[in-house]
Amino acid sequence: MTVGVKVVKAPEMTVWERLYLPMVFKGLAITFSHFFRKSVTVQFPEERPEYPYGSRGLHRLNRDSDGRVKCVACDMCATACPANCISIVGQPSPWPDREKMPETFEINLLRCIFCGFCEEACPEDAIELTGIHDFASDSRENMIIDREGLLAVYDKTAPSRPRRAGKTASEGASNVEREGSLHA
């Protein structure tokens, strides 16, 4: 026996405690108390859930004041992405104010974890996560959104309006996303 160590024995259980009936009745009481409370189930899609402010949804590529894509194909978003779901191929830009622009820009929404690292890493504020949360498809190919699809999301959402607290998923969503195809 080690010096300074006190051994504590568990108290003996009574016969009533060994039957576990008090705990069973206590559990049933909790179950029945919840049975008469108001349900928190949302009847989707008839009822739309309320998303908290700052919740991240579908991506979009922003345009500058001239209507050009803001992305300069620096590959910072793809580098910061922990899910490795962004692929960019750059090409020379026809405009004198930048060297490159994306030839292809794809995001695999099945791999994306919607962490927002791509938005934080972008030095041009070209990529942004919107408040659109209801997008689905019947095939994997349609869940890969390309540059045109990302720009279509920008065109369908109002970039001048900031996202509000309690914005529902149906606000700002377009028929493109609801019909299952994310491509323009």
N, C-alpha and C. Protein backbone atom coordinates (compact mmCIF):
# COMPACT_ATOMS: atom_id res chain seq x y z
N MET A 1 0.85 -1.18 0.00
CA MET A 1 0.00 0.00 0.00
C MET A 1 0.89 1.23 0.00
N THR A 2 0.54 2.18 -0.87
CA THR A 2 1.31 3.40 -1.00
C THR A 2 0.92 4.36 0.11
N VAL A 3 1.91 5.08 0.61
CA VAL A 3 1.67 6.03 1.68
C VAL A 3 0.89 7.22 1.14
N GLY A 4 -0.15 7.66 1.86
CA GLY A 4 -0.93 8.84 1.50
C GLY A 4 -2.08 8.53 0.56
N VAL A 5 -2.27 7.27 0.20
CA VAL A 5 -3.38 6.92 -0.69
C VAL A 5 -4.49 6.33 0.15
N LYS A 6 -5.68 6.88 -0.01
CA LYS A 6 -6.83 6.39 0.75
C LYS A 6 -7.73 5.59 -0.19
N VAL A 7 -8.01 4.37 0.16
CA VAL A 7 -8.87 3.50 -0.65
C VAL A 7 -10.30 3.72 -0.21
N VAL A 8 -11.17 4.02 -1.19
CA VAL A 8 -12.57 4.26 -0.89
C VAL A 8 -13.38 3.15 -1.55
N LYS A 9 -14.21 2.48 -0.76
CA LYS A 9 -15.05 1.42 -1.29
C LYS A 9 -16.39 1.99 -1.71
N ALA A 10 -16.93 1.45 -2.78
CA ALA A 10 -18.25 1.86 -3.23
C ALA A 10 -19.29 1.36 -2.23
N PRO A 11 -20.30 2.19 -1.94
CA PRO A 11 -21.31 1.75 -0.98
C PRO A 11 -22.13 0.60 -1.55
N GLU A 12 -22.58 -0.24 -0.69
CA GLU A 12 -23.42 -1.36 -1.09
C GLU A 12 -24.77 -0.86 -1.57
N MET A 13 -25.27 -1.44 -2.67
CA MET A 13 -26.58 -1.06 -3.17
C MET A 13 -27.65 -1.87 -2.45
N THR A 14 -28.76 -1.20 -2.22
CA THR A 14 -29.88 -1.90 -1.59
C THR A 14 -30.58 -2.75 -2.64
N VAL A 15 -31.48 -3.57 -2.21
CA VAL A 15 -32.24 -4.42 -3.12
C VAL A 15 -33.04 -3.56 -4.10
N TRP A 16 -33.65 -2.51 -3.60
CA TRP A 16 -34.45 -1.60 -4.44
C TRP A 16 -33.58 -0.96 -5.53
N GLU A 17 -32.34 -0.57 -5.18
CA GLU A 17 -31.44 0.03 -6.15
C GLU A 17 -30.93 -1.00 -7.16
N ARG A 18 -30.76 -2.24 -6.74
CA ARG A 18 -30.31 -3.29 -7.64
C ARG A 18 -31.37 -3.65 -8.68
N LEU A 19 -32.61 -3.38 -8.40
CA LEU A 19 -33.69 -3.66 -9.36
C LEU A 19 -33.74 -2.60 -10.48
N TYR A 20 -33.10 -1.48 -10.28
CA TYR A 20 -33.05 -0.38 -11.24
C TYR A 20 -34.43 0.21 -11.54
N LEU A 21 -35.42 -0.12 -10.77
CA LEU A 21 -36.76 0.41 -11.02
C LEU A 21 -36.85 1.92 -10.80
N PRO A 22 -36.19 2.49 -9.81
CA PRO A 22 -36.29 3.95 -9.67
C PRO A 22 -35.75 4.68 -10.90
N MET A 23 -34.67 4.19 -11.47
CA MET A 23 -34.11 4.84 -12.64
C MET A 23 -35.00 4.65 -13.87
N VAL A 24 -35.63 3.50 -13.98
CA VAL A 24 -36.55 3.27 -15.10
C VAL A 24 -37.73 4.22 -15.01
N PHE A 25 -38.30 4.37 -13.81
CA PHE A 25 -39.44 5.27 -13.64
C PHE A 25 -39.03 6.73 -13.84
N LYS A 26 -37.83 7.07 -13.43
CA LYS A 26 -37.34 8.43 -13.64
C LYS A 26 -37.18 8.71 -15.14
N GLY A 27 -36.65 7.76 -15.89
CA GLY A 27 -36.52 7.91 -17.34
C GLY A 27 -37.87 8.01 -18.03
N LEU A 28 -38.83 7.20 -17.59
CA LEU A 28 -40.18 7.28 -18.17
C LEU A 28 -40.84 8.62 -17.86
N ALA A 29 -40.58 9.15 -16.67
CA ALA A 29 -41.15 10.46 -16.32
C ALA A 29 -40.59 11.56 -17.23
N ILE A 30 -39.31 11.49 -17.52
CA ILE A 30 -38.71 12.47 -18.43
C ILE A 30 -39.29 12.32 -19.83
N THR A 31 -39.45 11.09 -20.29
CA THR A 31 -40.02 10.84 -21.61
C THR A 31 -41.43 11.39 -21.71
N PHE A 32 -42.26 11.12 -20.73
CA PHE A 32 -43.64 11.61 -20.76
C PHE A 32 -43.72 13.12 -20.62
N SER A 33 -42.79 13.74 -19.90
CA SER A 33 -42.81 15.20 -19.81
C SER A 33 -42.48 15.84 -21.16
N HIS A 34 -41.63 15.21 -21.96
CA HIS A 34 -41.32 15.72 -23.29
C HIS A 34 -42.44 15.43 -24.28
N PHE A 35 -43.24 14.42 -24.00
CA PHE A 35 -44.31 14.02 -24.90
C PHE A 35 -45.36 15.13 -25.05
N PHE A 36 -45.58 15.91 -24.03
CA PHE A 36 -46.61 16.94 -24.05
C PHE A 36 -46.08 18.33 -24.38
N ARG A 37 -44.80 18.44 -24.70
CA ARG A 37 -44.23 19.73 -25.11
C ARG A 37 -44.46 19.96 -26.59
N LYS A 38 -44.28 21.23 -27.00
CA LYS A 38 -44.42 21.58 -28.41
C LYS A 38 -43.26 20.98 -29.20
N SER A 39 -43.56 20.45 -30.38
CA SER A 39 -42.57 19.83 -31.23
C SER A 39 -41.66 20.89 -31.84
N VAL A 40 -40.39 20.56 -32.02
CA VAL A 40 -39.45 21.46 -32.65
C VAL A 40 -39.13 21.02 -34.08
N THR A 41 -39.86 20.02 -34.57
CA THR A 41 -39.64 19.52 -35.92
C THR A 41 -40.14 20.54 -36.93
N VAL A 42 -39.35 20.78 -37.95
CA VAL A 42 -39.72 21.69 -39.03
C VAL A 42 -40.20 20.84 -40.20
N GLN A 43 -41.35 21.14 -40.73
CA GLN A 43 -41.93 20.39 -41.84
C GLN A 43 -41.35 20.92 -43.16
N PHE A 44 -40.11 20.54 -43.44
CA PHE A 44 -39.43 20.98 -44.64
C PHE A 44 -40.00 20.23 -45.84
N PRO A 45 -40.25 20.79 -46.97
CA PRO A 45 -39.95 22.13 -47.45
C PRO A 45 -41.08 23.14 -47.28
N GLU A 46 -42.21 22.72 -46.72
CA GLU A 46 -43.30 23.68 -46.52
C GLU A 46 -42.89 24.80 -45.57
N GLU A 47 -42.19 24.45 -44.52
CA GLU A 47 -41.67 25.44 -43.57
C GLU A 47 -40.17 25.53 -43.79
N ARG A 48 -39.66 26.74 -43.87
CA ARG A 48 -38.23 26.95 -44.06
C ARG A 48 -37.58 27.23 -42.71
N PRO A 49 -36.44 26.58 -42.44
CA PRO A 49 -35.77 26.84 -41.16
C PRO A 49 -35.15 28.23 -41.14
N GLU A 50 -34.98 28.76 -39.96
CA GLU A 50 -34.30 30.04 -39.78
C GLU A 50 -32.82 29.74 -39.55
N TYR A 51 -31.98 30.33 -40.38
CA TYR A 51 -30.55 30.14 -40.24
C TYR A 51 -29.96 31.32 -39.48
N PRO A 52 -29.01 31.09 -38.60
CA PRO A 52 -28.43 32.20 -37.85
C PRO A 52 -27.55 33.08 -38.75
N TYR A 53 -27.34 34.29 -38.31
CA TYR A 53 -26.49 35.23 -39.05
C TYR A 53 -25.10 34.63 -39.20
N GLY A 54 -24.54 34.75 -40.38
CA GLY A 54 -23.19 34.27 -40.61
C GLY A 54 -23.11 32.81 -41.02
N SER A 55 -24.25 32.14 -41.14
CA SER A 55 -24.19 30.75 -41.57
C SER A 55 -23.77 30.72 -43.04
N ARG A 56 -22.96 29.74 -43.38
CA ARG A 56 -22.36 29.71 -44.71
C ARG A 56 -23.11 28.75 -45.61
N GLY A 57 -23.41 29.23 -46.81
CA GLY A 57 -24.14 28.43 -47.78
C GLY A 57 -23.38 28.33 -49.09
N LEU A 58 -24.13 28.37 -50.19
CA LEU A 58 -23.59 28.20 -51.53
C LEU A 58 -22.57 29.30 -51.86
N HIS A 59 -21.54 28.92 -52.60
CA HIS A 59 -20.48 29.86 -53.01
C HIS A 59 -20.93 30.71 -54.18
N ARG A 60 -20.25 31.82 -54.35
CA ARG A 60 -20.41 32.63 -55.56
C ARG A 60 -19.10 33.32 -55.86
N LEU A 61 -18.88 33.61 -57.15
CA LEU A 61 -17.74 34.42 -57.58
C LEU A 61 -18.25 35.83 -57.80
N ASN A 62 -17.61 36.78 -57.17
CA ASN A 62 -18.04 38.18 -57.29
C ASN A 62 -17.51 38.82 -58.55
N ARG A 63 -18.21 39.86 -58.97
CA ARG A 63 -17.80 40.66 -60.13
C ARG A 63 -17.33 42.02 -59.62
N ASP A 64 -16.46 42.67 -60.39
CA ASP A 64 -16.03 44.02 -60.03
C ASP A 64 -17.03 45.03 -60.60
N SER A 65 -16.73 46.31 -60.47
CA SER A 65 -17.67 47.36 -60.90
C SER A 65 -17.88 47.37 -62.41
N ASP A 66 -16.95 46.78 -63.18
CA ASP A 66 -17.08 46.72 -64.64
C ASP A 66 -17.78 45.44 -65.10
N GLY A 67 -18.19 44.59 -64.16
CA GLY A 67 -18.87 43.35 -64.52
C GLY A 67 -17.94 42.19 -64.81
N ARG A 68 -16.63 42.37 -64.61
CA ARG A 68 -15.66 41.31 -64.84
C ARG A 68 -15.52 40.47 -63.57
N VAL A 69 -15.11 39.23 -63.74
CA VAL A 69 -14.88 38.37 -62.59
C VAL A 69 -13.72 38.95 -61.78
N LYS A 70 -13.89 39.00 -60.45
CA LYS A 70 -12.85 39.59 -59.59
C LYS A 70 -11.64 38.67 -59.40
N CYS A 71 -11.83 37.39 -59.62
CA CYS A 71 -10.77 36.41 -59.37
C CYS A 71 -9.57 36.67 -60.28
N VAL A 72 -8.37 36.61 -59.69
CA VAL A 72 -7.13 36.77 -60.44
C VAL A 72 -6.36 35.46 -60.53
N ALA A 73 -7.01 34.34 -60.24
CA ALA A 73 -6.43 33.00 -60.34
C ALA A 73 -5.13 32.87 -59.56
N CYS A 74 -5.11 33.42 -58.34
CA CYS A 74 -3.90 33.34 -57.51
C CYS A 74 -3.80 31.99 -56.80
N ASP A 75 -4.87 31.23 -56.76
CA ASP A 75 -4.90 29.88 -56.18
C ASP A 75 -4.82 29.88 -54.65
N MET A 76 -5.03 31.03 -54.02
CA MET A 76 -4.97 31.10 -52.56
C MET A 76 -6.14 30.35 -51.92
N CYS A 77 -7.33 30.42 -52.53
CA CYS A 77 -8.50 29.74 -51.97
C CYS A 77 -8.31 28.22 -52.03
N ALA A 78 -7.77 27.73 -53.14
CA ALA A 78 -7.54 26.30 -53.27
C ALA A 78 -6.47 25.82 -52.30
N THR A 79 -5.48 26.66 -52.03
CA THR A 79 -4.42 26.31 -51.08
C THR A 79 -4.96 26.27 -49.66
N ALA A 80 -5.85 27.19 -49.32
CA ALA A 80 -6.39 27.26 -47.96
C ALA A 80 -7.47 26.22 -47.69
N CYS A 81 -8.02 25.62 -48.73
CA CYS A 81 -9.14 24.69 -48.57
C CYS A 81 -8.69 23.38 -47.94
N PRO A 82 -9.22 23.05 -46.74
CA PRO A 82 -8.81 21.79 -46.10
C PRO A 82 -9.43 20.56 -46.76
N ALA A 83 -10.53 20.74 -47.49
CA ALA A 83 -11.19 19.61 -48.14
C ALA A 83 -10.68 19.37 -49.55
N ASN A 84 -9.84 20.26 -50.05
CA ASN A 84 -9.26 20.14 -51.39
C ASN A 84 -10.36 20.01 -52.45
N CYS A 85 -11.36 20.88 -52.37
CA CYS A 85 -12.49 20.79 -53.29
C CYS A 85 -12.48 21.88 -54.35
N ILE A 86 -11.52 22.77 -54.35
CA ILE A 86 -11.46 23.86 -55.31
C ILE A 86 -10.34 23.60 -56.31
N SER A 87 -10.65 23.72 -57.59
CA SER A 87 -9.61 23.60 -58.62
C SER A 87 -9.71 24.80 -59.55
N ILE A 88 -8.57 25.41 -59.81
CA ILE A 88 -8.50 26.61 -60.63
C ILE A 88 -7.41 26.41 -61.69
N VAL A 89 -7.73 26.77 -62.92
CA VAL A 89 -6.74 26.82 -63.99
C VAL A 89 -6.75 28.26 -64.49
N GLY A 90 -5.60 28.90 -64.43
CA GLY A 90 -5.50 30.30 -64.84
C GLY A 90 -5.17 30.46 -66.31
N GLN A 91 -5.47 31.63 -66.81
CA GLN A 91 -5.12 32.00 -68.18
C GLN A 91 -4.73 33.47 -68.17
N PRO A 92 -4.00 33.92 -69.17
CA PRO A 92 -3.64 35.35 -69.22
C PRO A 92 -4.89 36.22 -69.32
N SER A 93 -4.84 37.33 -68.63
CA SER A 93 -5.99 38.24 -68.61
C SER A 93 -5.95 39.19 -69.81
N PRO A 94 -7.10 39.46 -70.40
CA PRO A 94 -7.12 40.44 -71.50
C PRO A 94 -7.12 41.88 -70.99
N TRP A 95 -7.23 42.07 -69.68
CA TRP A 95 -7.29 43.41 -69.11
C TRP A 95 -5.93 43.81 -68.57
N PRO A 96 -5.57 45.08 -68.66
CA PRO A 96 -4.22 45.50 -68.24
C PRO A 96 -4.04 45.59 -66.72
N ASP A 97 -5.12 45.57 -65.94
CA ASP A 97 -4.98 45.74 -64.50
C ASP A 97 -4.70 44.44 -63.74
N ARG A 98 -4.60 43.32 -64.43
CA ARG A 98 -4.29 42.04 -63.78
C ARG A 98 -3.58 41.12 -64.75
N GLU A 99 -2.80 40.21 -64.19
CA GLU A 99 -2.03 39.30 -65.03
C GLU A 99 -2.84 38.09 -65.48
N LYS A 100 -3.64 37.52 -64.55
CA LYS A 100 -4.36 36.29 -64.86
C LYS A 100 -5.83 36.42 -64.49
N MET A 101 -6.60 35.49 -65.04
CA MET A 101 -8.00 35.31 -64.68
C MET A 101 -8.28 33.81 -64.78
N PRO A 102 -9.32 33.34 -64.14
CA PRO A 102 -9.55 31.89 -64.18
C PRO A 102 -10.12 31.43 -65.53
N GLU A 103 -9.48 30.43 -66.11
CA GLU A 103 -10.04 29.78 -67.29
C GLU A 103 -11.12 28.81 -66.83
N THR A 104 -10.78 28.00 -65.81
CA THR A 104 -11.76 27.14 -65.16
C THR A 104 -11.67 27.37 -63.66
N PHE A 105 -12.81 27.35 -63.01
CA PHE A 105 -12.90 27.50 -61.56
C PHE A 105 -14.01 26.56 -61.13
N GLU A 106 -13.67 25.49 -60.42
CA GLU A 106 -14.66 24.50 -60.03
C GLU A 106 -14.61 24.26 -58.53
N ILE A 107 -15.79 24.10 -57.95
CA ILE A 107 -15.91 23.73 -56.54
C ILE A 107 -16.77 22.48 -56.47
N ASN A 108 -16.23 21.43 -55.86
CA ASN A 108 -16.98 20.21 -55.66
C ASN A 108 -17.76 20.35 -54.35
N LEU A 109 -19.06 20.57 -54.45
CA LEU A 109 -19.88 20.81 -53.27
C LEU A 109 -20.08 19.57 -52.41
N LEU A 110 -19.81 18.38 -52.97
CA LEU A 110 -19.90 17.17 -52.17
C LEU A 110 -18.70 17.02 -51.24
N ARG A 111 -17.59 17.60 -51.60
CA ARG A 111 -16.39 17.55 -50.76
C ARG A 111 -16.30 18.74 -49.81
N CYS A 112 -16.92 19.85 -50.20
CA CYS A 112 -16.80 21.09 -49.42
C CYS A 112 -17.39 20.92 -48.02
N ILE A 113 -16.71 21.47 -47.03
CA ILE A 113 -17.21 21.43 -45.66
C ILE A 113 -17.72 22.80 -45.21
N PHE A 114 -17.78 23.76 -46.13
CA PHE A 114 -18.34 25.09 -45.91
C PHE A 114 -17.70 25.76 -44.69
N CYS A 115 -16.37 25.68 -44.63
CA CYS A 115 -15.64 26.26 -43.51
C CYS A 115 -15.40 27.76 -43.69
N GLY A 116 -15.40 28.26 -44.92
CA GLY A 116 -15.18 29.67 -45.18
C GLY A 116 -13.73 30.07 -45.30
N PHE A 117 -12.80 29.11 -45.28
CA PHE A 117 -11.38 29.44 -45.40
C PHE A 117 -11.08 30.06 -46.76
N CYS A 118 -11.79 29.62 -47.81
CA CYS A 118 -11.55 30.17 -49.15
C CYS A 118 -11.92 31.65 -49.17
N GLU A 119 -12.98 32.00 -48.51
CA GLU A 119 -13.42 33.39 -48.46
C GLU A 119 -12.41 34.25 -47.70
N GLU A 120 -11.87 33.72 -46.62
CA GLU A 120 -10.90 34.45 -45.82
C GLU A 120 -9.55 34.58 -46.53
N ALA A 121 -9.18 33.58 -47.33
CA ALA A 121 -7.87 33.58 -47.96
C ALA A 121 -7.81 34.45 -49.21
N CYS A 122 -8.94 34.76 -49.80
CA CYS A 122 -8.95 35.48 -51.07
C CYS A 122 -8.54 36.93 -50.89
N PRO A 123 -7.45 37.37 -51.52
CA PRO A 123 -7.00 38.76 -51.37
C PRO A 123 -7.86 39.75 -52.15
N GLU A 124 -8.64 39.28 -53.11
CA GLU A 124 -9.45 40.15 -53.96
C GLU A 124 -10.93 40.15 -53.56
N ASP A 125 -11.32 39.43 -52.52
CA ASP A 125 -12.73 39.25 -52.14
C ASP A 125 -13.54 38.75 -53.32
N ALA A 126 -12.97 37.81 -54.06
CA ALA A 126 -13.63 37.30 -55.26
C ALA A 126 -14.59 36.18 -54.95
N ILE A 127 -14.34 35.40 -53.92
CA ILE A 127 -15.21 34.28 -53.58
C ILE A 127 -15.93 34.60 -52.28
N GLU A 128 -17.19 34.22 -52.23
CA GLU A 128 -18.00 34.53 -51.05
C GLU A 128 -19.01 33.40 -50.85
N LEU A 129 -19.30 33.10 -49.60
CA LEU A 129 -20.34 32.12 -49.29
C LEU A 129 -21.63 32.88 -49.01
N THR A 130 -22.70 32.49 -49.67
CA THR A 130 -23.97 33.19 -49.58
C THR A 130 -24.86 32.57 -48.51
N GLY A 131 -26.05 33.07 -48.41
CA GLY A 131 -27.04 32.53 -47.47
C GLY A 131 -27.96 31.51 -48.10
N ILE A 132 -27.62 30.99 -49.28
CA ILE A 132 -28.45 29.98 -49.94
C ILE A 132 -28.05 28.61 -49.40
N HIS A 133 -28.99 27.94 -48.76
CA HIS A 133 -28.70 26.65 -48.14
C HIS A 133 -29.41 25.49 -48.79
N ASP A 134 -30.41 25.75 -49.60
CA ASP A 134 -31.16 24.64 -50.19
C ASP A 134 -30.78 24.46 -51.65
N PHE A 135 -29.81 23.60 -51.86
CA PHE A 135 -29.41 23.21 -53.21
C PHE A 135 -29.19 21.71 -53.18
N ALA A 136 -29.67 21.07 -54.20
CA ALA A 136 -29.58 19.62 -54.28
C ALA A 136 -29.51 19.21 -55.74
N SER A 137 -29.17 17.97 -55.95
CA SER A 137 -29.10 17.46 -57.31
C SER A 137 -29.34 15.97 -57.29
N ASP A 138 -29.67 15.44 -58.46
CA ASP A 138 -29.86 14.00 -58.57
C ASP A 138 -28.63 13.28 -59.10
N SER A 139 -27.55 14.03 -59.36
CA SER A 139 -26.32 13.39 -59.83
C SER A 139 -25.11 14.10 -59.21
N ARG A 140 -24.03 13.37 -59.13
CA ARG A 140 -22.79 13.92 -58.58
C ARG A 140 -22.20 14.99 -59.49
N GLU A 141 -22.35 14.83 -60.79
CA GLU A 141 -21.78 15.78 -61.73
C GLU A 141 -22.38 17.17 -61.55
N ASN A 142 -23.66 17.25 -61.22
CA ASN A 142 -24.30 18.54 -61.03
C ASN A 142 -23.91 19.22 -59.73
N MET A 143 -23.24 18.51 -58.84
CA MET A 143 -22.79 19.10 -57.58
C MET A 143 -21.39 19.68 -57.70
N ILE A 144 -20.84 19.67 -58.89
CA ILE A 144 -19.58 20.37 -59.16
C ILE A 144 -19.97 21.66 -59.87
N ILE A 145 -19.79 22.77 -59.17
CA ILE A 145 -20.22 24.05 -59.72
C ILE A 145 -19.02 24.73 -60.38
N ASP A 146 -19.22 25.16 -61.61
CA ASP A 146 -18.11 25.75 -62.37
C ASP A 146 -18.18 27.27 -62.32
N ARG A 147 -17.27 27.92 -63.06
CA ARG A 147 -17.16 29.37 -63.04
C ARG A 147 -18.47 30.04 -63.46
N GLU A 148 -19.09 29.54 -64.50
CA GLU A 148 -20.34 30.13 -64.96
C GLU A 148 -21.45 29.96 -63.93
N GLY A 149 -21.48 28.81 -63.28
CA GLY A 149 -22.47 28.58 -62.23
C GLY A 149 -22.25 29.49 -61.03
N LEU A 150 -20.99 29.70 -60.67
CA LEU A 150 -20.67 30.59 -59.55
C LEU A 150 -21.03 32.04 -59.88
N LEU A 151 -20.80 32.44 -61.13
CA LEU A 151 -21.18 33.80 -61.54
C LEU A 151 -22.70 33.93 -61.64
N ALA A 152 -23.39 32.84 -61.99
CA ALA A 152 -24.86 32.87 -62.04
C ALA A 152 -25.44 33.05 -60.64
N VAL A 153 -24.80 32.46 -59.64
CA VAL A 153 -25.25 32.66 -58.26
C VAL A 153 -25.06 34.13 -57.88
N TYR A 154 -23.96 34.73 -58.31
CA TYR A 154 -23.74 36.16 -58.06
C TYR A 154 -24.83 36.99 -58.72
N ASP A 155 -25.18 36.66 -59.96
CA ASP A 155 -26.19 37.41 -60.69
C ASP A 155 -27.57 37.27 -60.05
N LYS A 156 -27.86 36.12 -59.45
CA LYS A 156 -29.18 35.88 -58.85
C LYS A 156 -29.31 36.47 -57.45
N THR A 157 -28.21 36.64 -56.75
CA THR A 157 -28.25 37.21 -55.40
C THR A 157 -27.94 38.69 -55.48
N ALA A 158 -28.43 39.44 -54.52
CA ALA A 158 -28.20 40.88 -54.52
C ALA A 158 -26.94 41.18 -53.72
N PRO A 159 -25.83 41.50 -54.37
CA PRO A 159 -24.58 41.71 -53.64
C PRO A 159 -24.58 42.98 -52.80
N SER A 160 -25.47 43.92 -53.12
CA SER A 160 -25.46 45.18 -52.37
C SER A 160 -26.13 45.03 -51.00
N ARG A 161 -26.96 43.98 -50.84
CA ARG A 161 -27.63 43.78 -49.56
C ARG A 161 -26.82 42.87 -48.68
N PRO A 162 -26.49 43.29 -47.45
CA PRO A 162 -25.79 42.37 -46.55
C PRO A 162 -26.75 41.30 -46.05
N ARG A 163 -26.19 40.14 -45.69
CA ARG A 163 -27.03 39.07 -45.15
C ARG A 163 -27.54 39.49 -43.78
N ARG A 164 -28.81 39.20 -43.53
CA ARG A 164 -29.44 39.59 -42.27
C ARG A 164 -29.56 38.39 -41.35
N ALA A 165 -29.70 38.70 -40.07
CA ALA A 165 -29.95 37.64 -39.10
C ALA A 165 -31.33 37.06 -39.38
N GLY A 166 -31.44 35.75 -39.32
CA GLY A 166 -32.73 35.10 -39.51
C GLY A 166 -33.16 35.00 -40.95
N LYS A 167 -32.26 35.18 -41.89
CA LYS A 167 -32.61 35.08 -43.30
C LYS A 167 -32.90 33.62 -43.61
N THR A 168 -34.01 33.37 -44.26
CA THR A 168 -34.36 32.00 -44.59
C THR A 168 -33.64 31.56 -45.84
N ALA A 169 -33.59 30.27 -46.02
CA ALA A 169 -32.87 29.72 -47.16
C ALA A 169 -33.54 30.07 -48.47
N SER A 170 -34.84 30.29 -48.47
CA SER A 170 -35.53 30.56 -49.72
C SER A 170 -35.29 31.98 -50.21
N GLU A 171 -34.90 32.90 -49.32
CA GLU A 171 -34.63 34.26 -49.76
C GLU A 171 -33.35 34.28 -50.56
N GLY A 172 -33.40 34.85 -51.74
CA GLY A 172 -32.21 34.96 -52.57
C GLY A 172 -31.92 33.73 -53.40
N ALA A 173 -32.64 32.64 -53.17
CA ALA A 173 -32.39 31.44 -53.95
C ALA A 173 -33.07 31.56 -55.30
N SER A 174 -32.46 30.98 -56.30
CA SER A 174 -33.03 31.08 -57.63
C SER A 174 -33.59 29.73 -58.05
N ASN A 175 -34.31 29.73 -59.15
CA ASN A 175 -34.85 28.49 -59.67
C ASN A 175 -33.74 27.56 -60.12
N VAL A 176 -32.60 28.11 -60.47
CA VAL A 176 -31.47 27.27 -60.90
C VAL A 176 -31.09 26.31 -59.79
N GLU A 177 -30.98 26.80 -58.55
CA GLU A 177 -30.58 25.94 -57.45
C GLU A 177 -31.70 24.99 -57.07
N ARG A 178 -32.96 25.44 -57.10
CA ARG A 178 -34.07 24.60 -56.66
C ARG A 178 -34.37 23.48 -57.64
N GLU A 179 -34.04 23.67 -58.93
CA GLU A 179 -34.33 22.64 -59.91
C GLU A 179 -33.27 21.55 -59.91
N GLY A 180 -32.23 21.69 -59.13
CA GLY A 180 -31.24 20.62 -59.00
C GLY A 180 -29.99 20.82 -59.82
N SER A 181 -29.96 21.77 -60.70
CA SER A 181 -28.75 22.00 -61.49
C SER A 181 -28.14 23.32 -61.09
N LEU A 182 -26.88 23.31 -60.77
CA LEU A 182 -26.22 24.52 -60.32
C LEU A 182 -25.55 25.24 -61.48
N HIS A 183 -25.57 24.66 -62.65
CA HIS A 183 -24.90 25.26 -63.79
C HIS A 183 -25.86 26.19 -64.54
N ALA A 184 -25.31 27.25 -65.08
CA ALA A 184 -26.14 28.23 -65.77
C ALA A 184 -26.67 27.70 -67.07
